[in-house]
């Protein structure tokens, strides 16, 4: 990792973070996470810094997530080698959520995976016409993490469950309509917004949110008390949209889908720190299961998009199958400040 992969600068009252790997869609490395955590501690204690903002370099992405290839390669040797990265990442997500000064996510371009955890927990989330937000983790044998346990259930209606199970993408204004972002500006206006932040001026969230397409369908069809109930509701709806959403869920890892459903239902009643502790349990479990490595192989390595999931069906990946993922870790629980 180069020290230039993540940049920090002071502009007036603003501490500005730039994720600087544009050719890799600013994918996060372990080193970048650690450097960002150290810098936040410095700015937290610096009275001259009144606001912090984070952006991605280039025009394509804010941050497309973690460097999945590294996790894949390390985990093939021993999945436990990835435990520390998740612990460090979730600790950073918690510090962002609890940061005592305004923290602004400039979510211009692709925002997925680890990039979500660096942006959505801030005081202000800014979308542009180039924003593409998604949490597609169940498609690679994972679950919507980096705080998804907390923020997804708190989106309007059942939008969070819909996003978590299908991996659907929200673009631009839809990210505001779905409650993921607070306001939208044109990407060309971001330099002016950064100048305003440097003066200590924080823009207000949008007064009125536009309506999210299919919101009624999402809220109605994704409120079931099990994955099977949601799939049945989608089948019974008899619409092209519902059929497409149902088929999308069925392409994902059955085990990850089962985990995500329980995770999001439980997360609705948990405080943020408890959500992160739960995610750490789930991450440790997934790193020692075959679906993550098979999902990454199919989507990123070989790109054949034909994963052989294990278990292969939701019937096999039942509640008893995923129950160990939720078990407390005792002395190995995620330590948080």
Protein backbone atom coordinates (compact mmCIF):
# COMPACT_ATOMS: atom_id res chain seq x y z
CA UNK A 1 0.00 0.00 0.00
CA UNK A 2 1.17 3.50 -0.86
CA UNK A 3 0.81 6.37 1.62
CA UNK A 4 -0.93 8.17 -1.24
CA UNK A 5 -3.83 5.69 -1.21
CA UNK A 6 -5.56 7.93 1.33
CA UNK A 7 -4.90 11.65 1.68
CA UNK A 8 -5.59 14.09 4.51
CA UNK A 9 -5.55 17.86 4.29
CA UNK A 10 -6.72 20.91 6.19
CA UNK A 11 -8.78 23.53 4.39
CA UNK A 12 -9.78 26.24 6.81
CA UNK A 13 -12.09 24.65 9.36
CA UNK A 14 -12.38 21.45 7.31
CA UNK A 15 -10.46 18.21 7.62
CA UNK A 16 -10.74 16.63 4.16
CA UNK A 17 -10.16 12.91 3.50
CA UNK A 18 -9.62 11.66 -0.04
CA UNK A 19 -9.71 7.96 -0.89
CA UNK A 20 -7.11 7.98 -3.62
CA UNK A 21 -7.20 4.73 -5.59
CA UNK A 22 -9.28 5.82 -8.61
CA UNK A 23 -8.11 2.96 -10.83
CA UNK A 24 -9.39 0.50 -8.20
CA UNK A 25 -12.60 2.44 -7.50
CA UNK A 26 -10.91 3.50 -4.25
CA UNK A 27 -11.24 0.01 -2.79
CA UNK A 28 -10.18 -0.02 0.86
CA UNK A 29 -7.10 -1.73 2.17
CA UNK A 30 -6.44 -2.61 5.80
CA UNK A 31 -3.74 0.03 5.95
CA UNK A 32 -6.10 2.74 4.71
CA UNK A 33 -8.57 1.91 7.46
CA UNK A 34 -5.89 2.17 10.15
CA UNK A 35 -4.56 5.47 8.83
CA UNK A 36 -8.07 6.94 8.68
CA UNK A 37 -8.78 5.89 12.25
CA UNK A 38 -5.58 7.56 13.48
CA UNK A 39 -6.38 10.77 11.61
CA UNK A 40 -9.90 10.96 13.00
CA UNK A 41 -8.48 10.80 16.51
CA UNK A 42 -6.14 13.71 15.70
CA UNK A 43 -8.92 15.82 14.19
CA UNK A 44 -11.30 14.96 17.01
CA UNK A 45 -8.87 16.60 19.44
CA UNK A 46 -7.95 19.53 17.17
CA UNK A 47 -10.11 22.57 17.98
CA UNK A 48 -9.19 24.16 14.64
CA UNK A 49 -11.04 21.38 12.80
CA UNK A 50 -14.79 21.94 13.04
CA UNK A 51 -16.01 19.57 10.35
CA UNK A 52 -14.65 16.50 8.54
CA UNK A 53 -15.58 15.39 5.01
CA UNK A 54 -14.64 12.32 2.98
CA UNK A 55 -14.57 11.93 -0.80
CA UNK A 56 -13.26 9.57 -3.46
CA UNK A 57 -10.76 10.56 -6.14
CA UNK A 58 -11.83 10.49 -9.77
CA UNK A 59 -15.28 10.48 -11.35
CA UNK A 60 -16.25 6.81 -11.02
CA UNK A 61 -16.39 5.98 -7.34
CA UNK A 62 -16.52 7.24 -3.81
CA UNK A 63 -15.48 3.75 -2.67
CA UNK A 64 -16.53 0.41 -4.13
CA UNK A 65 -15.79 -1.48 -0.91
CA UNK A 66 -13.00 -3.52 0.60
CA UNK A 67 -10.23 -5.13 -1.39
CA UNK A 68 -12.07 -8.43 -1.78
CA UNK A 69 -9.24 -10.15 -3.63
CA UNK A 70 -6.99 -9.78 -0.59
CA UNK A 71 -9.64 -11.26 1.70
CA UNK A 72 -10.14 -14.09 -0.77
CA UNK A 73 -6.46 -14.93 -1.08
CA UNK A 74 -5.79 -14.73 2.67
CA UNK A 75 -8.91 -16.68 3.52
CA UNK A 76 -8.12 -19.53 1.18
CA UNK A 77 -5.10 -20.16 3.38
CA UNK A 78 -6.98 -19.64 6.65
CA UNK A 79 -10.22 -17.67 7.05
CA UNK A 80 -9.13 -16.59 10.52
CA UNK A 81 -6.48 -14.39 8.90
CA UNK A 82 -9.27 -11.95 7.98
CA UNK A 83 -10.68 -11.56 11.50
CA UNK A 84 -8.46 -8.61 12.45
CA UNK A 85 -9.38 -6.59 9.37
CA UNK A 86 -13.05 -6.89 10.23
CA UNK A 87 -12.41 -5.95 13.85
CA UNK A 88 -10.47 -2.85 12.79
CA UNK A 89 -13.04 -1.88 10.17
CA UNK A 90 -15.99 -2.18 12.53
CA UNK A 91 -14.14 -0.19 15.19
CA UNK A 92 -13.62 2.56 12.60
CA UNK A 93 -17.30 2.47 11.60
CA UNK A 94 -18.19 2.96 15.26
CA UNK A 95 -15.84 5.93 15.62
CA UNK A 96 -17.42 7.56 12.57
CA UNK A 97 -20.90 7.00 14.00
CA UNK A 98 -19.85 8.51 17.31
CA UNK A 99 -17.59 11.26 15.89
CA UNK A 100 -18.28 14.41 17.95
CA UNK A 101 -17.98 16.84 15.03
CA UNK A 102 -20.02 16.97 11.80
CA UNK A 103 -18.80 14.22 9.46
CA UNK A 104 -19.87 14.58 5.82
CA UNK A 105 -19.89 11.80 3.24
CA UNK A 106 -19.56 13.10 -0.33
CA UNK A 107 -21.00 9.98 -2.00
CA UNK A 108 -20.16 10.79 -5.61
CA UNK A 109 -19.98 7.68 -7.81
CA UNK A 110 -20.08 4.04 -6.69
CA UNK A 111 -20.71 3.53 -2.96
CA UNK A 112 -20.68 -0.12 -1.94
CA UNK A 113 -19.42 -2.43 0.80
CA UNK A 114 -16.78 -0.79 2.97
CA UNK A 115 -17.46 2.56 1.31
CA UNK A 116 -20.93 2.51 2.87
CA UNK A 117 -19.42 2.27 6.33
CA UNK A 118 -17.24 5.34 5.66
CA UNK A 119 -20.17 7.50 4.60
CA UNK A 120 -23.67 6.63 5.82
CA UNK A 121 -22.92 6.96 9.54
CA UNK A 122 -21.99 10.63 9.24
CA UNK A 123 -24.05 13.66 10.16
CA UNK A 124 -24.65 14.50 6.48
CA UNK A 125 -24.72 12.19 3.43
CA UNK A 126 -24.52 13.90 0.03
CA UNK A 127 -25.59 12.22 -3.21
CA UNK A 128 -24.90 13.37 -6.79
CA UNK A 129 -26.25 12.33 -10.17
CA UNK A 130 -23.36 9.84 -10.33
CA UNK A 131 -24.14 8.10 -7.03
CA UNK A 132 -24.66 4.34 -7.28
CA UNK A 133 -25.38 2.95 -3.82
CA UNK A 134 -25.72 -0.77 -3.11
CA UNK A 135 -25.06 -3.45 -0.54
CA UNK A 136 -24.69 -6.56 -2.73
CA UNK A 137 -22.92 -8.73 -0.17
CA UNK A 138 -25.32 -11.70 -0.23
CA UNK A 139 -24.23 -12.22 -3.84
CA UNK A 140 -20.75 -13.18 -2.62
CA UNK A 141 -21.76 -15.18 0.43
CA UNK A 142 -21.63 -12.31 2.91
CA UNK A 143 -24.17 -10.07 4.65
CA UNK A 144 -24.75 -6.29 4.53
CA UNK A 145 -22.21 -5.24 7.14
CA UNK A 146 -20.23 -2.08 8.07
CA UNK A 147 -23.21 -0.98 10.16
CA UNK A 148 -25.93 -2.24 7.84
CA UNK A 149 -27.40 -4.08 10.83
CA UNK A 150 -28.20 -0.66 12.30
CA UNK A 151 -28.96 1.69 9.43
CA UNK A 152 -30.82 -0.58 7.01
CA UNK A 153 -33.71 -1.38 9.38
CA UNK A 154 -34.02 2.34 10.09
CA UNK A 155 -34.64 3.34 6.48
CA UNK A 156 -38.27 4.13 5.54
CA UNK A 157 -40.61 1.15 5.59
CA UNK A 158 -38.97 -2.05 4.34
CA UNK A 159 -36.43 -0.32 2.09
CA UNK A 160 -33.53 -1.70 4.14
CA UNK A 161 -34.71 -5.31 3.89
CA UNK A 162 -35.26 -4.87 0.15
CA UNK A 163 -31.76 -3.49 -0.34
CA UNK A 164 -30.16 -6.13 1.89
CA UNK A 165 -31.81 -9.17 0.28
CA UNK A 166 -31.73 -8.11 -3.36
CA UNK A 167 -28.54 -6.02 -3.58
CA UNK A 168 -30.46 -3.47 -5.65
CA UNK A 169 -28.83 -0.19 -6.59
CA UNK A 170 -30.03 3.30 -5.75
CA UNK A 171 -28.92 6.00 -8.14
CA UNK A 172 -28.75 9.73 -7.50
CA UNK A 173 -32.07 11.07 -6.28
CA UNK A 174 -33.26 7.57 -5.35
CA UNK A 175 -30.55 7.45 -2.68
CA UNK A 176 -32.21 10.50 -1.12
CA UNK A 177 -35.70 9.08 -1.63
CA UNK A 178 -34.65 5.83 0.04
CA UNK A 179 -33.28 7.63 3.10
CA UNK A 180 -29.66 6.67 2.44
CA UNK A 181 -28.59 10.26 1.64
CA UNK A 182 -29.76 13.58 3.06
CA UNK A 183 -29.48 15.82 0.01
CA UNK A 184 -28.37 15.82 -3.61
CA UNK A 185 -26.07 18.25 -5.42
CA UNK A 186 -24.62 18.18 -8.91
CA UNK A 187 -21.16 16.62 -8.97
CA UNK A 188 -19.81 19.81 -10.52
CA UNK A 189 -20.90 21.70 -7.41
CA UNK A 190 -18.92 19.57 -4.97
CA UNK A 191 -15.85 21.88 -5.03
CA UNK A 192 -18.14 24.75 -3.96
CA UNK A 193 -19.65 22.60 -1.23
CA UNK A 194 -16.15 21.78 0.03
CA UNK A 195 -15.32 25.50 0.08
CA UNK A 196 -18.43 26.13 2.17
CA UNK A 197 -17.47 23.37 4.58
CA UNK A 198 -14.02 24.94 4.92
CA UNK A 199 -15.80 28.07 6.10
CA UNK A 200 -17.72 26.01 8.65
CA UNK A 201 -20.99 26.18 6.71
CA UNK A 202 -22.96 22.93 6.83
CA UNK A 203 -25.80 22.63 4.28
CA UNK A 204 -29.22 21.56 5.49
CA UNK A 205 -30.75 18.22 4.51
CA UNK A 206 -33.37 18.25 1.77
CA UNK A 207 -36.67 19.62 3.07
CA UNK A 208 -38.75 17.16 1.04
CA UNK A 209 -37.72 13.71 -0.14
CA UNK A 210 -38.93 12.50 -3.53
CA UNK A 211 -40.98 9.32 -3.63
CA UNK A 212 -38.99 6.13 -4.15
CA UNK A 213 -40.24 4.07 -7.08
CA UNK A 214 -42.16 0.97 -5.95
CA UNK A 215 -42.07 2.12 -2.33
CA UNK A 216 -45.57 0.76 -1.63
CA UNK A 217 -44.63 -2.60 -3.15
CA UNK A 218 -41.40 -2.74 -1.17
CA UNK A 219 -43.12 -1.85 2.10
CA UNK A 220 -45.91 -4.37 1.51
CA UNK A 221 -44.03 -7.34 0.06
CA UNK A 222 -40.88 -7.24 2.23
CA UNK A 223 -42.56 -7.13 5.65
CA UNK A 224 -42.81 -10.92 6.05
CA UNK A 225 -41.58 -12.76 9.12
CA UNK A 226 -39.25 -15.02 7.12
CA UNK A 227 -37.38 -15.14 3.83
CA UNK A 228 -39.94 -17.68 2.61
CA UNK A 229 -42.80 -15.33 3.47
CA UNK A 230 -41.19 -12.54 1.46
CA UNK A 231 -40.59 -14.85 -1.51
CA UNK A 232 -44.19 -16.06 -1.33
CA UNK A 233 -45.52 -12.50 -1.24
CA UNK A 234 -43.43 -11.60 -4.27
CA UNK A 235 -44.70 -14.66 -6.14
CA UNK A 236 -48.32 -13.91 -5.26
CA UNK A 237 -48.01 -10.27 -6.35
CA UNK A 238 -48.02 -11.40 -9.96
CA UNK A 239 -46.20 -8.35 -11.33
CA UNK A 240 -43.11 -8.17 -13.49
CA UNK A 241 -41.36 -6.07 -10.87
CA UNK A 242 -42.09 -8.54 -8.06
CA UNK A 243 -41.02 -11.52 -10.18
CA UNK A 244 -37.72 -9.80 -10.94
CA UNK A 245 -37.05 -9.02 -7.27
CA UNK A 246 -37.87 -12.60 -6.28
CA UNK A 247 -35.53 -14.04 -8.89
CA UNK A 248 -32.80 -11.67 -7.77
CA UNK A 249 -33.01 -12.97 -4.19
CA UNK A 250 -32.91 -16.57 -5.36
CA UNK A 251 -29.57 -16.03 -7.13
CA UNK A 252 -27.87 -15.10 -3.85
CA UNK A 253 -26.19 -17.38 -1.34
CA UNK A 254 -29.02 -19.10 0.56
CA UNK A 255 -27.01 -19.08 3.77
CA UNK A 256 -26.11 -15.39 3.42
CA UNK A 257 -29.73 -14.55 2.61
CA UNK A 258 -30.92 -16.33 5.75
CA UNK A 259 -28.29 -14.55 7.82
CA UNK A 260 -29.15 -11.14 6.36
CA UNK A 261 -32.85 -11.52 7.09
CA UNK A 262 -32.31 -12.39 10.76
CA UNK A 263 -29.54 -9.79 11.08
CA UNK A 264 -31.76 -6.94 9.87
CA UNK A 265 -34.78 -7.95 11.92
CA UNK A 266 -32.66 -8.17 15.08
CA UNK A 267 -30.76 -4.98 14.26
CA UNK A 268 -33.97 -2.93 14.41
CA UNK A 269 -33.93 -3.34 18.19
CA UNK A 270 -30.20 -3.01 18.90
CA UNK A 271 -27.98 -0.05 19.71
CA UNK A 272 -25.20 0.70 17.24
CA UNK A 273 -22.38 -0.90 19.25
CA UNK A 274 -24.38 -4.10 19.70
CA UNK A 275 -25.03 -4.16 15.96
CA UNK A 276 -21.30 -4.00 15.31
CA UNK A 277 -20.62 -6.78 17.80
CA UNK A 278 -23.20 -8.91 16.02
CA UNK A 279 -21.60 -8.16 12.65
CA UNK A 280 -18.22 -9.26 13.95
CA UNK A 281 -19.70 -12.62 14.95
CA UNK A 282 -21.27 -12.97 11.51
CA UNK A 283 -18.06 -11.96 9.72
CA UNK A 284 -16.00 -14.53 11.59
CA UNK A 285 -18.54 -17.19 10.69
CA UNK A 286 -18.67 -16.25 6.99
CA UNK A 287 -14.88 -16.15 6.69
CA UNK A 288 -14.77 -19.83 7.67
CA UNK A 289 -17.58 -20.93 5.33
CA UNK A 290 -17.25 -21.90 1.64
CA UNK A 291 -19.85 -19.50 0.22
CA UNK A 292 -17.70 -16.38 0.51
CA UNK A 293 -14.83 -17.93 -1.43
CA UNK A 294 -17.16 -19.46 -4.01
CA UNK A 295 -19.02 -16.16 -4.41
CA UNK A 296 -15.83 -14.18 -4.92
CA UNK A 297 -14.57 -16.79 -7.36
CA UNK A 298 -17.76 -16.58 -9.43
CA UNK A 299 -18.17 -12.80 -9.39
CA UNK A 300 -14.62 -11.41 -9.22
CA UNK A 301 -12.03 -14.07 -10.02
CA UNK A 302 -13.47 -16.23 -12.81
CA UNK A 303 -16.45 -13.91 -13.50
CA UNK A 304 -18.62 -16.79 -14.68
CA UNK A 305 -21.43 -15.68 -12.32
CA UNK A 306 -22.33 -19.30 -11.69
CA UNK A 307 -21.61 -19.93 -8.01
CA UNK A 308 -22.17 -23.35 -6.48
CA UNK A 309 -23.58 -22.39 -3.11
CA UNK A 310 -23.26 -24.69 -0.09
CA UNK A 311 -25.89 -25.23 1.24
CA UNK A 312 -27.51 -25.02 -2.20
CA UNK A 313 -31.07 -24.10 -1.14
CA UNK A 314 -32.88 -22.03 1.47
CA UNK A 315 -34.49 -25.21 2.75
CA UNK A 316 -31.06 -26.60 3.55
CA UNK A 317 -29.78 -23.24 4.85
CA UNK A 318 -32.43 -23.16 7.58
CA UNK A 319 -32.47 -21.32 10.89
CA UNK A 320 -30.48 -24.08 12.59
CA UNK A 321 -27.81 -23.88 9.89
CA UNK A 322 -27.11 -20.17 10.50
CA UNK A 323 -27.72 -20.14 14.27
CA UNK A 324 -23.99 -20.64 15.09
CA UNK A 325 -23.20 -17.39 13.26
CA UNK A 326 -25.16 -15.44 15.90
CA UNK A 327 -23.67 -17.11 18.97
CA UNK A 328 -21.76 -14.79 21.38
CA UNK A 329 -17.98 -15.05 21.19
CA UNK A 330 -17.17 -14.68 24.87
CA UNK A 331 -13.64 -13.32 25.27
CA UNK A 332 -13.38 -12.93 21.48
CA UNK A 333 -16.23 -10.41 21.20
CA UNK A 334 -15.44 -7.24 19.25
CA UNK A 335 -13.74 -4.73 21.59
CA UNK A 336 -15.14 -1.23 21.14
CA UNK A 337 -14.12 2.04 22.82
